[in-house]
Amino acid sequence: MAGLNNRQEQFGRNKSGIYHADTMSTTIYLNYHGFGIWRHLMGNLKLQHFFEDISCLTHNLDYLLYHHRNPHWYENQCQYHNCPEKT
């Protein structure tokens, strides 16, 4: 038998600016959160029978259970300031 249980998390924050006529007109914020869960369980059963005439009967039974989750969340925000009026 063998198995694996692994969890990882990821975080990210970004801030960007848009300038108009050397003045910041928009600030953009991006927040990111994600995690991953990886799991598996594996088993093997092997049965063998040897006959007197040097022949062999073999039976293998394998089982694999696999599960993976990887949700992510994104949040975008825009802040407008010092924007020129549209004409």
N, C-alpha and C. Protein backbone atom coordinates (compact mmCIF):
# COMPACT_ATOMS: atom_id res chain seq x y z
N MET A 1 0.84 -1.17 0.00
CA MET A 1 0.00 0.00 0.00
C MET A 1 0.89 1.25 0.00
N ALA A 2 0.36 2.29 -0.60
CA ALA A 2 1.05 3.57 -0.63
C ALA A 2 0.00 4.67 -0.67
N GLY A 3 0.39 5.87 -0.26
CA GLY A 3 -0.56 6.97 -0.28
C GLY A 3 0.16 8.31 -0.27
N LEU A 4 -0.59 9.36 -0.57
CA LEU A 4 -0.07 10.71 -0.61
C LEU A 4 -1.18 11.67 -0.20
N ASN A 5 -0.85 12.64 0.63
CA ASN A 5 -1.79 13.70 1.00
C ASN A 5 -0.99 15.01 1.02
N ASN A 6 -1.24 15.88 0.07
CA ASN A 6 -0.46 17.10 -0.08
C ASN A 6 -1.40 18.29 -0.22
N ARG A 7 -1.10 19.39 0.48
CA ARG A 7 -1.87 20.63 0.37
C ARG A 7 -0.90 21.79 0.16
N GLN A 8 -1.23 22.65 -0.78
CA GLN A 8 -0.42 23.83 -1.04
C GLN A 8 -1.34 25.05 -1.14
N GLU A 9 -0.84 26.20 -0.72
CA GLU A 9 -1.61 27.44 -0.81
C GLU A 9 -0.82 28.48 -1.58
N GLN A 10 -1.54 29.34 -2.28
CA GLN A 10 -0.93 30.39 -3.07
C GLN A 10 -1.68 31.70 -2.80
N PHE A 11 -0.92 32.75 -2.61
CA PHE A 11 -1.48 34.08 -2.41
C PHE A 11 -0.77 35.06 -3.33
N GLY A 12 -1.49 36.03 -3.81
CA GLY A 12 -0.87 37.05 -4.64
C GLY A 12 -1.62 38.36 -4.54
N ARG A 13 -0.87 39.45 -4.56
CA ARG A 13 -1.44 40.80 -4.57
C ARG A 13 -0.70 41.62 -5.61
N ASN A 14 -1.45 42.25 -6.47
CA ASN A 14 -0.86 43.11 -7.49
C ASN A 14 -1.53 44.48 -7.43
N LYS A 15 -0.75 45.50 -7.68
CA LYS A 15 -1.26 46.87 -7.75
C LYS A 15 -0.68 47.50 -9.00
N SER A 16 -1.55 48.04 -9.83
CA SER A 16 -1.13 48.68 -11.08
C SER A 16 -1.73 50.08 -11.14
N GLY A 17 -1.10 50.93 -11.90
CA GLY A 17 -1.61 52.28 -12.08
C GLY A 17 -1.68 52.67 -13.53
N ILE A 18 -2.69 53.47 -13.86
CA ILE A 18 -2.83 54.02 -15.20
C ILE A 18 -2.65 55.53 -15.08
N TYR A 19 -1.77 56.06 -15.89
CA TYR A 19 -1.45 57.49 -15.84
C TYR A 19 -2.03 58.20 -17.06
N HIS A 20 -2.50 59.40 -16.83
CA HIS A 20 -2.98 60.26 -17.92
C HIS A 20 -2.36 61.64 -17.71
N ALA A 21 -1.58 62.07 -18.67
CA ALA A 21 -0.89 63.37 -18.59
C ALA A 21 -0.04 63.45 -17.32
N ASP A 22 0.75 62.43 -17.10
CA ASP A 22 1.67 62.34 -15.94
C ASP A 22 0.98 62.38 -14.58
N THR A 23 -0.30 62.11 -14.55
CA THR A 23 -1.05 62.05 -13.29
C THR A 23 -1.77 60.70 -13.23
N MET A 24 -1.68 60.05 -12.07
CA MET A 24 -2.34 58.76 -11.94
C MET A 24 -3.86 58.96 -11.97
N SER A 25 -4.51 58.27 -12.91
CA SER A 25 -5.96 58.41 -13.05
C SER A 25 -6.70 57.19 -12.53
N THR A 26 -6.05 56.03 -12.53
CA THR A 26 -6.72 54.81 -12.09
C THR A 26 -5.72 53.91 -11.35
N THR A 27 -6.17 53.33 -10.26
CA THR A 27 -5.39 52.32 -9.54
C THR A 27 -6.17 51.01 -9.61
N ILE A 28 -5.49 49.93 -9.98
CA ILE A 28 -6.12 48.62 -10.11
C ILE A 28 -5.48 47.67 -9.11
N TYR A 29 -6.31 47.00 -8.32
CA TYR A 29 -5.85 46.03 -7.33
C TYR A 29 -6.35 44.64 -7.75
N LEU A 30 -5.47 43.66 -7.69
CA LEU A 30 -5.84 42.27 -7.98
C LEU A 30 -5.36 41.41 -6.82
N ASN A 31 -6.30 40.77 -6.13
CA ASN A 31 -5.97 39.84 -5.05
C ASN A 31 -6.30 38.43 -5.51
N TYR A 32 -5.44 37.50 -5.18
CA TYR A 32 -5.56 36.12 -5.66
C TYR A 32 -5.32 35.17 -4.49
N HIS A 33 -6.15 34.16 -4.39
CA HIS A 33 -5.96 33.11 -3.39
C HIS A 33 -6.35 31.77 -4.02
N GLY A 34 -5.49 30.81 -3.89
CA GLY A 34 -5.78 29.49 -4.40
C GLY A 34 -5.10 28.44 -3.55
N PHE A 35 -5.64 27.23 -3.59
CA PHE A 35 -4.99 26.13 -2.90
C PHE A 35 -5.25 24.85 -3.68
N GLY A 36 -4.39 23.91 -3.47
CA GLY A 36 -4.52 22.63 -4.15
C GLY A 36 -4.39 21.50 -3.14
N ILE A 37 -5.27 20.51 -3.28
CA ILE A 37 -5.21 19.31 -2.44
C ILE A 37 -5.04 18.12 -3.39
N TRP A 38 -3.97 17.40 -3.20
CA TRP A 38 -3.67 16.22 -4.01
C TRP A 38 -3.66 15.01 -3.08
N ARG A 39 -4.45 14.01 -3.40
CA ARG A 39 -4.50 12.79 -2.59
C ARG A 39 -4.57 11.57 -3.49
N HIS A 40 -3.89 10.53 -3.09
CA HIS A 40 -4.11 9.24 -3.73
C HIS A 40 -3.79 8.13 -2.75
N LEU A 41 -4.43 7.01 -2.98
CA LEU A 41 -4.23 5.80 -2.19
C LEU A 41 -4.14 4.65 -3.17
N MET A 42 -3.13 3.83 -3.01
CA MET A 42 -2.90 2.75 -3.96
C MET A 42 -2.65 1.45 -3.20
N GLY A 43 -3.18 0.36 -3.73
CA GLY A 43 -2.94 -0.95 -3.13
C GLY A 43 -2.75 -2.00 -4.21
N ASN A 44 -2.04 -3.07 -3.86
CA ASN A 44 -1.78 -4.16 -4.79
C ASN A 44 -1.82 -5.48 -4.04
N LEU A 45 -2.48 -6.46 -4.62
CA LEU A 45 -2.53 -7.81 -4.06
C LEU A 45 -2.14 -8.78 -5.18
N LYS A 46 -1.14 -9.60 -4.92
CA LYS A 46 -0.67 -10.55 -5.93
C LYS A 46 -0.76 -11.96 -5.34
N LEU A 47 -1.47 -12.84 -6.05
CA LEU A 47 -1.60 -14.24 -5.65
C LEU A 47 -0.94 -15.12 -6.70
N GLN A 48 -0.12 -16.05 -6.23
CA GLN A 48 0.57 -16.96 -7.15
C GLN A 48 0.44 -18.38 -6.63
N HIS A 49 0.25 -19.31 -7.56
CA HIS A 49 0.25 -20.73 -7.21
C HIS A 49 1.16 -21.47 -8.20
N PHE A 50 2.10 -22.21 -7.65
CA PHE A 50 3.04 -22.99 -8.47
C PHE A 50 2.58 -24.44 -8.51
N PHE A 51 2.46 -24.97 -9.72
CA PHE A 51 2.08 -26.37 -9.91
C PHE A 51 3.34 -27.23 -9.97
N GLU A 52 3.17 -28.53 -9.80
CA GLU A 52 4.32 -29.44 -9.76
C GLU A 52 5.07 -29.50 -11.09
N ASP A 53 4.39 -29.23 -12.19
CA ASP A 53 5.05 -29.34 -13.50
C ASP A 53 5.70 -28.00 -13.90
N ILE A 54 6.10 -27.22 -12.96
CA ILE A 54 6.81 -25.95 -13.14
C ILE A 54 5.96 -24.92 -13.87
N SER A 55 4.67 -25.01 -13.81
CA SER A 55 3.81 -23.95 -14.33
C SER A 55 3.30 -23.11 -13.16
N CYS A 56 2.83 -21.93 -13.48
CA CYS A 56 2.47 -20.97 -12.44
C CYS A 56 1.18 -20.25 -12.83
N LEU A 57 0.32 -20.05 -11.88
CA LEU A 57 -0.90 -19.27 -12.07
C LEU A 57 -0.77 -18.01 -11.20
N THR A 58 -0.90 -16.84 -11.82
CA THR A 58 -0.72 -15.56 -11.12
C THR A 58 -1.96 -14.70 -11.31
N HIS A 59 -2.35 -14.03 -10.23
CA HIS A 59 -3.47 -13.09 -10.29
C HIS A 59 -3.06 -11.82 -9.56
N ASN A 60 -3.18 -10.67 -10.23
CA ASN A 60 -2.86 -9.36 -9.64
C ASN A 60 -4.15 -8.55 -9.50
N LEU A 61 -4.30 -7.91 -8.36
CA LEU A 61 -5.41 -7.00 -8.13
C LEU A 61 -4.83 -5.66 -7.71
N ASP A 62 -5.05 -4.62 -8.53
CA ASP A 62 -4.55 -3.27 -8.25
C ASP A 62 -5.74 -2.35 -8.03
N TYR A 63 -5.56 -1.40 -7.11
CA TYR A 63 -6.60 -0.42 -6.84
C TYR A 63 -5.94 0.94 -6.65
N LEU A 64 -6.47 1.96 -7.32
CA LEU A 64 -5.95 3.32 -7.22
C LEU A 64 -7.12 4.27 -7.01
N LEU A 65 -7.06 5.05 -5.94
CA LEU A 65 -8.04 6.07 -5.63
C LEU A 65 -7.32 7.41 -5.74
N TYR A 66 -7.86 8.33 -6.56
CA TYR A 66 -7.19 9.60 -6.84
C TYR A 66 -8.19 10.73 -6.64
N HIS A 67 -7.78 11.79 -5.95
CA HIS A 67 -8.65 12.95 -5.72
C HIS A 67 -7.80 14.22 -5.80
N HIS A 68 -8.31 15.21 -6.54
CA HIS A 68 -7.59 16.48 -6.70
C HIS A 68 -8.60 17.62 -6.68
N ARG A 69 -8.35 18.63 -5.84
CA ARG A 69 -9.13 19.86 -5.82
C ARG A 69 -8.17 21.03 -5.98
N ASN A 70 -8.59 22.02 -6.78
CA ASN A 70 -7.72 23.16 -7.02
C ASN A 70 -8.54 24.44 -7.23
N PRO A 71 -9.32 24.87 -6.21
CA PRO A 71 -10.11 26.09 -6.39
C PRO A 71 -9.25 27.35 -6.28
N HIS A 72 -9.68 28.41 -6.97
CA HIS A 72 -8.98 29.70 -6.96
C HIS A 72 -10.01 30.82 -6.87
N TRP A 73 -9.63 31.91 -6.20
CA TRP A 73 -10.47 33.09 -6.07
C TRP A 73 -9.70 34.30 -6.54
N TYR A 74 -10.37 35.16 -7.30
CA TYR A 74 -9.78 36.40 -7.79
C TYR A 74 -10.68 37.56 -7.39
N GLU A 75 -10.08 38.66 -6.99
CA GLU A 75 -10.82 39.86 -6.66
C GLU A 75 -10.15 41.04 -7.35
N ASN A 76 -10.89 41.73 -8.19
CA ASN A 76 -10.39 42.90 -8.90
C ASN A 76 -11.09 44.14 -8.37
N GLN A 77 -10.33 45.20 -8.14
CA GLN A 77 -10.89 46.48 -7.71
C GLN A 77 -10.23 47.59 -8.52
N CYS A 78 -11.02 48.55 -8.93
CA CYS A 78 -10.50 49.73 -9.63
C CYS A 78 -10.87 50.97 -8.83
N GLN A 79 -9.91 51.84 -8.67
CA GLN A 79 -10.14 53.11 -7.99
C GLN A 79 -9.80 54.22 -8.98
N TYR A 80 -10.80 55.04 -9.29
CA TYR A 80 -10.63 56.12 -10.25
C TYR A 80 -10.44 57.44 -9.48
N HIS A 81 -9.42 58.20 -9.85
CA HIS A 81 -9.19 59.49 -9.22
C HIS A 81 -8.46 60.39 -10.21
N ASN A 82 -8.72 61.66 -10.08
CA ASN A 82 -8.11 62.66 -10.97
C ASN A 82 -8.37 62.36 -12.44
N CYS A 83 -9.56 61.82 -12.74
CA CYS A 83 -9.86 61.50 -14.14
C CYS A 83 -10.31 62.75 -14.88
N PRO A 84 -9.79 62.95 -16.06
CA PRO A 84 -10.25 64.12 -16.83
C PRO A 84 -11.70 63.90 -17.29
N GLU A 85 -12.42 64.95 -17.38
CA GLU A 85 -13.81 64.88 -17.82
C GLU A 85 -13.83 64.52 -19.31
N LYS A 86 -14.81 63.70 -19.68
CA LYS A 86 -14.96 63.35 -21.10
C LYS A 86 -15.63 64.51 -21.85
N THR A 87 -15.17 64.76 -23.03
CA THR A 87 -15.77 65.87 -23.80
C THR A 87 -16.57 65.32 -24.94
